[in-house]
Amino acid sequence: MQCSAGISARVFHCFLSRGTRFATPTVVRTSAPGVRRKSTVMASRAELHSIPGVCTKPDASTSDFIMQQTMLRIKDPVKSLDFYTRILGMTLMSKLDFPEMEFSLFFMGYEAPESIPDDEKERASWTFRQRGCIELTYNYGTDTDPEFKGYHNGNSDPRGFGHIGICVPNVEAACKRFEELGVEFVKKPNDGKLKNLAFVKDPDGYWIEVLSSDVSNLFP
């Protein structure tokens, strides 16, 4: 099945895509023929353990692994840092420079600024213990090179990477503020078939899903 921003690729975000070995969920119908009702298909806890390819008992040696970071290459660190701190409210937790290799790394996350250690070694170790961080990678000169056209965001052919996501208390309120701040939208909360869910773009065109833990719109 092919997804488009117009209908919001939220349900499994096209995990059930063309070429998949998994069956496409059927549309739930009411008793009246030809009448459809909205439906979200979610695997039960038992089904989660029977999906092909899923290891139900990961090796014990992985018990302390965490999902620590997603790396995004950025063109202009000033624009990106402004977006992720001022617009999204993240904290710059650490910055690592590699002048000989001509790149810098900025680690972003939703951690309190006062929790950042002063000691450099301790701060580096603390940074890599935080979950769900964004690593912004700046290769020197991309912001001043007139020939540099930017990075591929994964949402046009050939498609690959899709988006990162932030969970907010109120999607409508968050998006109202984003709109006032001039943020570019891929999908606004009331566009498409799925409501209370949005996609915005960062300065490099990467998609960011804006969602809420209130899933009443998915499970009416």
C-alpha atoms as a PDB file:
ATOM      1  CA  MET A   1       0.000   0.000   0.000  1.00  0.00           C
ATOM      2  CA  GLN A   2       1.292   3.419  -0.824  1.00  0.00           C
ATOM      3  CA  CYS A   3       1.188   6.207   1.698  1.00  0.00           C
ATOM      4  CA  SER A   4       1.006   9.927   1.162  1.00  0.00           C
ATOM      5  CA  ALA A   5       1.228  12.902   3.477  1.00  0.00           C
ATOM      6  CA  GLY A   6      -2.298  13.864   2.458  1.00  0.00           C
ATOM      7  CA  ILE A   7      -3.830  10.907   4.259  1.00  0.00           C
ATOM      8  CA  SER A   8      -1.173  10.784   6.988  1.00  0.00           C
ATOM      9  CA  ALA A   9       1.009   7.714   7.078  1.00  0.00           C
ATOM     10  CA  ARG A  10       0.501   7.186  10.794  1.00  0.00           C
ATOM     11  CA  VAL A  11      -0.997   3.725  11.135  1.00  0.00           C
ATOM     12  CA  PHE A  12       2.187   1.641  11.178  1.00  0.00           C
ATOM     13  CA  HIS A  13       3.705   4.513   9.106  1.00  0.00           C
ATOM     14  CA  CYS A  14       3.595   2.295   6.047  1.00  0.00           C
ATOM     15  CA  PHE A  15       5.206  -0.637   7.870  1.00  0.00           C
ATOM     16  CA  LEU A  16       2.751  -2.686   5.824  1.00  0.00           C
ATOM     17  CA  SER A  17       4.267  -1.445   2.598  1.00  0.00           C
ATOM     18  CA  ARG A  18       4.562  -2.852  -0.860  1.00  0.00           C
ATOM     19  CA  GLY A  19       6.551  -6.053  -0.941  1.00  0.00           C
ATOM     20  CA  THR A  20       5.938  -6.917   2.709  1.00  0.00           C
ATOM     21  CA  ARG A  21       5.383 -10.494   3.774  1.00  0.00           C
ATOM     22  CA  PHE A  22       2.733  -9.465   6.263  1.00  0.00           C
ATOM     23  CA  ALA A  23      -0.944  -9.482   5.475  1.00  0.00           C
ATOM     24  CA  THR A  24      -2.639  -6.126   4.958  1.00  0.00           C
ATOM     25  CA  PRO A  25      -5.262  -5.508   7.681  1.00  0.00           C
ATOM     26  CA  THR A  26      -8.803  -5.788   6.407  1.00  0.00           C
ATOM     27  CA  VAL A  27     -11.221  -2.883   6.660  1.00  0.00           C
ATOM     28  CA  VAL A  28     -13.718  -3.430   9.442  1.00  0.00           C
ATOM     29  CA  ARG A  29     -17.290  -3.093   8.150  1.00  0.00           C
ATOM     30  CA  THR A  30     -20.531  -2.395   9.912  1.00  0.00           C
ATOM     31  CA  SER A  31     -23.553  -4.641   9.451  1.00  0.00           C
ATOM     32  CA  ALA A  32     -24.760  -2.430   6.610  1.00  0.00           C
ATOM     33  CA  PRO A  33     -23.087  -3.502   3.327  1.00  0.00           C
ATOM     34  CA  GLY A  34     -20.878  -0.867   1.773  1.00  0.00           C
ATOM     35  CA  VAL A  35     -20.624   1.186   4.977  1.00  0.00           C
ATOM     36  CA  ARG A  36     -17.159   1.540   6.430  1.00  0.00           C
ATOM     37  CA  ARG A  37     -16.134   2.653   9.862  1.00  0.00           C
ATOM     38  CA  LYS A  38     -12.740   3.880  10.947  1.00  0.00           C
ATOM     39  CA  SER A  39     -10.508   1.153  12.239  1.00  0.00           C
ATOM     40  CA  THR A  40      -7.024   0.835  13.685  1.00  0.00           C
ATOM     41  CA  VAL A  41      -5.498  -2.627  13.722  1.00  0.00           C
ATOM     42  CA  MET A  42      -3.132  -3.200  16.623  1.00  0.00           C
ATOM     43  CA  ALA A  43      -1.475  -6.508  17.387  1.00  0.00           C
ATOM     44  CA  SER A  44      -2.312  -8.087  20.727  1.00  0.00           C
ATOM     45  CA  ARG A  45       0.452  -8.795  23.228  1.00  0.00           C
ATOM     46  CA  ALA A  46       0.362 -12.450  22.232  1.00  0.00           C
ATOM     47  CA  GLU A  47       0.561 -11.590  18.535  1.00  0.00           C
ATOM     48  CA  LEU A  48       3.625  -9.427  19.126  1.00  0.00           C
ATOM     49  CA  HIS A  49       5.556 -12.597  19.953  1.00  0.00           C
ATOM     50  CA  SER A  50       4.433 -14.488  16.859  1.00  0.00           C
ATOM     51  CA  ILE A  51       5.314 -11.921  14.207  1.00  0.00           C
ATOM     52  CA  PRO A  52       7.887 -13.413  11.798  1.00  0.00           C
ATOM     53  CA  GLY A  53      11.414 -12.364  12.602  1.00  0.00           C
ATOM     54  CA  VAL A  54      10.724 -11.292  16.196  1.00  0.00           C
ATOM     55  CA  CYS A  55      13.040 -12.784  18.812  1.00  0.00           C
ATOM     56  CA  THR A  56      10.960 -13.230  21.962  1.00  0.00           C
ATOM     57  CA  LYS A  57      13.933 -13.763  24.258  1.00  0.00           C
ATOM     58  CA  PRO A  58      16.768 -11.405  23.350  1.00  0.00           C
ATOM     59  CA  ASP A  59      20.231 -12.424  24.476  1.00  0.00           C
ATOM     60  CA  ALA A  60      20.872 -11.560  28.125  1.00  0.00           C
ATOM     61  CA  SER A  61      23.955  -9.600  27.108  1.00  0.00           C
ATOM     62  CA  THR A  62      21.665  -6.936  25.541  1.00  0.00           C
ATOM     63  CA  SER A  63      19.639  -6.290  28.701  1.00  0.00           C
ATOM     64  CA  ASP A  64      21.379  -2.971  29.408  1.00  0.00           C
ATOM     65  CA  PHE A  65      21.296  -1.686  25.806  1.00  0.00           C
ATOM     66  CA  ILE A  66      19.312   1.522  25.214  1.00  0.00           C
ATOM     67  CA  MET A  67      18.107   3.409  22.150  1.00  0.00           C
ATOM     68  CA  GLN A  68      20.434   6.364  22.576  1.00  0.00           C
ATOM     69  CA  GLN A  69      20.553   8.488  19.445  1.00  0.00           C
ATOM     70  CA  THR A  70      19.465   9.178  15.884  1.00  0.00           C
ATOM     71  CA  MET A  71      21.941  11.093  13.739  1.00  0.00           C
ATOM     72  CA  LEU A  72      20.839  13.776  11.272  1.00  0.00           C
ATOM     73  CA  ARG A  73      23.252  15.641   9.022  1.00  0.00           C
ATOM     74  CA  ILE A  74      22.598  19.371   8.993  1.00  0.00           C
ATOM     75  CA  LYS A  75      23.619  22.134   6.604  1.00  0.00           C
ATOM     76  CA  ASP A  76      23.619  25.162   8.928  1.00  0.00           C
ATOM     77  CA  PRO A  77      24.153  24.612  12.676  1.00  0.00           C
ATOM     78  CA  VAL A  78      22.866  28.072  13.610  1.00  0.00           C
ATOM     79  CA  LYS A  79      19.505  27.460  11.943  1.00  0.00           C
ATOM     80  CA  SER A  80      19.239  23.892  13.242  1.00  0.00           C
ATOM     81  CA  LEU A  81      20.204  24.714  16.828  1.00  0.00           C
ATOM     82  CA  ASP A  82      17.700  27.573  16.857  1.00  0.00           C
ATOM     83  CA  PHE A  83      14.975  25.245  15.605  1.00  0.00           C
ATOM     84  CA  TYR A  84      15.621  22.387  18.010  1.00  0.00           C
ATOM     85  CA  THR A  85      16.112  24.596  21.080  1.00  0.00           C
ATOM     86  CA  ARG A  86      13.775  27.574  20.553  1.00  0.00           C
ATOM     87  CA  ILE A  87      11.058  25.913  18.476  1.00  0.00           C
ATOM     88  CA  LEU A  88      11.043  22.350  19.819  1.00  0.00           C
ATOM     89  CA  GLY A  89      12.333  23.188  23.295  1.00  0.00           C
ATOM     90  CA  MET A  90      15.214  20.721  23.359  1.00  0.00           C
ATOM     91  CA  THR A  91      18.439  21.208  25.299  1.00  0.00           C
ATOM     92  CA  LEU A  92      21.905  21.185  23.774  1.00  0.00           C
ATOM     93  CA  MET A  93      23.452  18.589  26.065  1.00  0.00           C
ATOM     94  CA  SER A  94      26.911  18.267  24.566  1.00  0.00           C
ATOM     95  CA  LYS A  95      29.042  19.461  21.638  1.00  0.00           C
ATOM     96  CA  LEU A  96      32.010  17.566  20.274  1.00  0.00           C
ATOM     97  CA  ASP A  97      34.366  19.108  17.702  1.00  0.00           C
ATOM     98  CA  PHE A  98      36.640  17.136  15.381  1.00  0.00           C
ATOM     99  CA  PRO A  99      38.646  19.889  13.640  1.00  0.00           C
ATOM    100  CA  GLU A 100      41.070  17.540  11.880  1.00  0.00           C
ATOM    101  CA  MET A 101      38.154  15.656  10.296  1.00  0.00           C
ATOM    102  CA  GLU A 102      36.205  18.907   9.865  1.00  0.00           C
ATOM    103  CA  PHE A 103      32.917  18.134  11.568  1.00  0.00           C
ATOM    104  CA  SER A 104      31.089  18.859  14.810  1.00  0.00           C
ATOM    105  CA  LEU A 105      28.422  16.938  16.702  1.00  0.00           C
ATOM    106  CA  PHE A 106      25.566  18.493  18.685  1.00  0.00           C
ATOM    107  CA  PHE A 107      23.622  16.218  21.026  1.00  0.00           C
ATOM    108  CA  MET A 108      20.049  17.332  21.634  1.00  0.00           C
ATOM    109  CA  GLY A 109      17.418  16.011  24.028  1.00  0.00           C
ATOM    110  CA  TYR A 110      14.670  16.820  26.488  1.00  0.00           C
ATOM    111  CA  GLU A 111      16.880  16.979  29.556  1.00  0.00           C
ATOM    112  CA  ALA A 112      16.944  19.794  32.116  1.00  0.00           C
ATOM    113  CA  PRO A 113      19.901  22.157  31.492  1.00  0.00           C
ATOM    114  CA  GLU A 114      20.799  22.085  35.196  1.00  0.00           C
ATOM    115  CA  SER A 115      21.321  18.313  35.010  1.00  0.00           C
ATOM    116  CA  ILE A 116      24.236  18.683  32.567  1.00  0.00           C
ATOM    117  CA  PRO A 117      27.535  17.899  34.359  1.00  0.00           C
ATOM    118  CA  ASP A 118      30.266  20.544  34.357  1.00  0.00           C
ATOM    119  CA  ASP A 119      33.152  18.113  34.021  1.00  0.00           C
ATOM    120  CA  GLU A 120      33.853  17.321  30.356  1.00  0.00           C
ATOM    121  CA  LYS A 121      34.463  13.595  30.791  1.00  0.00           C
ATOM    122  CA  GLU A 122      31.470  13.212  33.074  1.00  0.00           C
ATOM    123  CA  ARG A 123      29.298  15.240  30.661  1.00  0.00           C
ATOM    124  CA  ALA A 124      30.253  13.013  27.739  1.00  0.00           C
ATOM    125  CA  SER A 125      29.463   9.870  29.727  1.00  0.00           C
ATOM    126  CA  TRP A 126      26.173  11.373  30.966  1.00  0.00           C
ATOM    127  CA  THR A 127      25.178  12.364  27.428  1.00  0.00           C
ATOM    128  CA  PHE A 128      25.596   8.825  26.139  1.00  0.00           C
ATOM    129  CA  ARG A 129      23.423   7.463  28.942  1.00  0.00           C
ATOM    130  CA  GLN A 130      20.399   9.527  27.914  1.00  0.00           C
ATOM    131  CA  ARG A 131      17.615   7.920  25.873  1.00  0.00           C
ATOM    132  CA  GLY A 132      16.110   9.154  22.637  1.00  0.00           C
ATOM    133  CA  CYS A 133      18.645  11.831  21.729  1.00  0.00           C
ATOM    134  CA  ILE A 134      19.221  13.554  18.405  1.00  0.00           C
ATOM    135  CA  GLU A 135      22.794  13.855  17.135  1.00  0.00           C
ATOM    136  CA  LEU A 136      23.107  16.751  14.707  1.00  0.00           C
ATOM    137  CA  THR A 137      26.196  16.393  12.520  1.00  0.00           C
ATOM    138  CA  TYR A 138      27.666  19.479  10.865  1.00  0.00           C
ATOM    139  CA  ASN A 139      30.310  18.975   8.181  1.00  0.00           C
ATOM    140  CA  TYR A 140      32.324  22.173   7.948  1.00  0.00           C
ATOM    141  CA  GLY A 141      31.510  24.457   5.050  1.00  0.00           C
ATOM    142  CA  THR A 142      28.101  23.143   4.003  1.00  0.00           C
ATOM    143  CA  ASP A 143      26.472  26.345   5.242  1.00  0.00           C
ATOM    144  CA  THR A 144      28.671  28.561   3.043  1.00  0.00           C
ATOM    145  CA  ASP A 145      29.086  26.337  -0.025  1.00  0.00           C
ATOM    146  CA  PRO A 146      26.835  27.667  -2.834  1.00  0.00           C
ATOM    147  CA  GLU A 147      27.128  24.328  -4.618  1.00  0.00           C
ATOM    148  CA  PHE A 148      25.798  22.314  -1.665  1.00  0.00           C
ATOM    149  CA  LYS A 149      22.121  21.582  -2.261  1.00  0.00           C
ATOM    150  CA  GLY A 150      21.318  19.977   1.076  1.00  0.00           C
ATOM    151  CA  TYR A 151      20.641  16.465   2.354  1.00  0.00           C
ATOM    152  CA  HIS A 152      18.048  13.920   1.268  1.00  0.00           C
ATOM    153  CA  ASN A 153      15.291  13.642   3.890  1.00  0.00           C
ATOM    154  CA  GLY A 154      14.228  10.123   2.911  1.00  0.00           C
ATOM    155  CA  ASN A 155      10.664  11.016   1.949  1.00  0.00           C
ATOM    156  CA  SER A 156      11.123  11.303  -1.797  1.00  0.00           C
ATOM    157  CA  ASP A 157      12.458   8.627  -4.131  1.00  0.00           C
ATOM    158  CA  PRO A 158      14.490   6.691  -3.320  1.00  0.00           C
ATOM    159  CA  ARG A 159      12.626   6.569  -0.004  1.00  0.00           C
ATOM    160  CA  GLY A 160      14.308   5.330   3.137  1.00  0.00           C
ATOM    161  CA  PHE A 161      14.478   7.263   6.399  1.00  0.00           C
ATOM    162  CA  GLY A 162      11.060   8.652   7.336  1.00  0.00           C
ATOM    163  CA  HIS A 163      10.940  10.875  10.403  1.00  0.00           C
ATOM    164  CA  ILE A 164      11.619  11.387  14.074  1.00  0.00           C
ATOM    165  CA  GLY A 165       8.727  12.010  16.465  1.00  0.00           C
ATOM    166  CA  ILE A 166       8.012  14.128  19.527  1.00  0.00           C
ATOM    167  CA  CYS A 167       5.163  13.519  21.947  1.00  0.00           C
ATOM    168  CA  VAL A 168       3.427  16.661  23.224  1.00  0.00           C
ATOM    169  CA  PRO A 169       0.619  17.198  25.768  1.00  0.00           C
ATOM    170  CA  ASN A 170      -1.620  18.993  23.255  1.00  0.00           C
ATOM    171  CA  VAL A 171      -1.058  18.618  19.507  1.00  0.00           C
ATOM    172  CA  GLU A 172      -3.389  21.479  18.550  1.00  0.00           C
ATOM    173  CA  ALA A 173      -1.718  23.918  20.939  1.00  0.00           C
ATOM    174  CA  ALA A 174       1.783  22.874  19.922  1.00  0.00           C
ATOM    175  CA  CYS A 175       0.981  23.206  16.224  1.00  0.00           C
ATOM    176  CA  LYS A 176      -0.709  26.568  16.700  1.00  0.00           C
ATOM    177  CA  ARG A 177       2.538  27.835  18.199  1.00  0.00           C
ATOM    178  CA  PHE A 178       4.608  26.208  15.437  1.00  0.00           C
ATOM    179  CA  GLU A 179       2.455  27.905  12.826  1.00  0.00           C
ATOM    180  CA  GLU A 180       2.854  31.285  14.527  1.00  0.00           C
ATOM    181  CA  LEU A 181       6.618  30.746  14.490  1.00  0.00           C
ATOM    182  CA  GLY A 182       6.615  30.065  10.764  1.00  0.00           C
ATOM    183  CA  VAL A 183       7.351  26.331  10.899  1.00  0.00           C
ATOM    184  CA  GLU A 184       6.684  24.480   7.644  1.00  0.00           C
ATOM    185  CA  PHE A 185       4.023  21.769   7.855  1.00  0.00           C
ATOM    186  CA  VAL A 186       3.797  18.520   5.910  1.00  0.00           C
ATOM    187  CA  LYS A 187       0.469  17.729   7.585  1.00  0.00           C
ATOM    188  CA  LYS A 188      -1.562  19.768  10.055  1.00  0.00           C
ATOM    189  CA  PRO A 189      -3.508  18.113  12.885  1.00  0.00           C
ATOM    190  CA  ASN A 190      -6.870  18.088  11.108  1.00  0.00           C
ATOM    191  CA  ASP A 191      -5.623  17.210   7.621  1.00  0.00           C
ATOM    192  CA  GLY A 192      -6.162  13.763   6.170  1.00  0.00           C
ATOM    193  CA  LYS A 193      -7.982  10.818   7.688  1.00  0.00           C
ATOM    194  CA  LEU A 194      -6.163  10.710  11.013  1.00  0.00           C
ATOM    195  CA  LYS A 195      -6.657  13.679  13.290  1.00  0.00           C
ATOM    196  CA  ASN A 196      -4.705  15.031  16.258  1.00  0.00           C
ATOM    197  CA  LEU A 197      -1.430  14.264  14.516  1.00  0.00           C
ATOM    198  CA  ALA A 198       0.930  16.454  12.511  1.00  0.00           C
ATOM    199  CA  PHE A 199       4.196  16.479  10.611  1.00  0.00           C
ATOM    200  CA  VAL A 200       6.510  19.480  10.445  1.00  0.00           C
ATOM    201  CA  LYS A 201       9.879  20.066   8.784  1.00  0.00           C
ATOM    202  CA  ASP A 202      13.137  21.149  10.366  1.00  0.00           C
ATOM    203  CA  PRO A 203      15.500  23.551   8.526  1.00  0.00           C
ATOM    204  CA  ASP A 204      16.994  20.679   6.496  1.00  0.00           C
ATOM    205  CA  GLY A 205      13.607  19.307   5.492  1.00  0.00           C
ATOM    206  CA  TYR A 206      13.603  16.315   7.845  1.00  0.00           C
ATOM    207  CA  TRP A 207      10.080  15.355   8.916  1.00  0.00           C
ATOM    208  CA  ILE A 208       9.115  15.495  12.589  1.00  0.00           C
ATOM    209  CA  GLU A 209       5.925  13.829  13.729  1.00  0.00           C
ATOM    210  CA  VAL A 210       4.009  15.710  16.411  1.00  0.00           C
ATOM    211  CA  LEU A 211       1.833  13.304  18.374  1.00  0.00           C
ATOM    212  CA  SER A 212       0.134  12.782  21.697  1.00  0.00           C
ATOM    213  CA  SER A 213      -0.113   9.790  24.010  1.00  0.00           C
ATOM    214  CA  ASP A 214      -3.893  10.316  23.827  1.00  0.00           C
ATOM    215  CA  VAL A 215      -4.790   7.646  21.271  1.00  0.00           C
ATOM    216  CA  SER A 216      -8.565   8.055  21.422  1.00  0.00           C
ATOM    217  CA  ASN A 217      -8.541   9.113  17.770  1.00  0.00           C
ATOM    218  CA  LEU A 218      -6.982   5.771  16.823  1.00  0.00           C
ATOM    219  CA  PHE A 219      -9.174   3.651  19.078  1.00  0.00           C
ATOM    220  CA  PRO A 220     -12.602   5.335  19.139  1.00  0.00           C
END
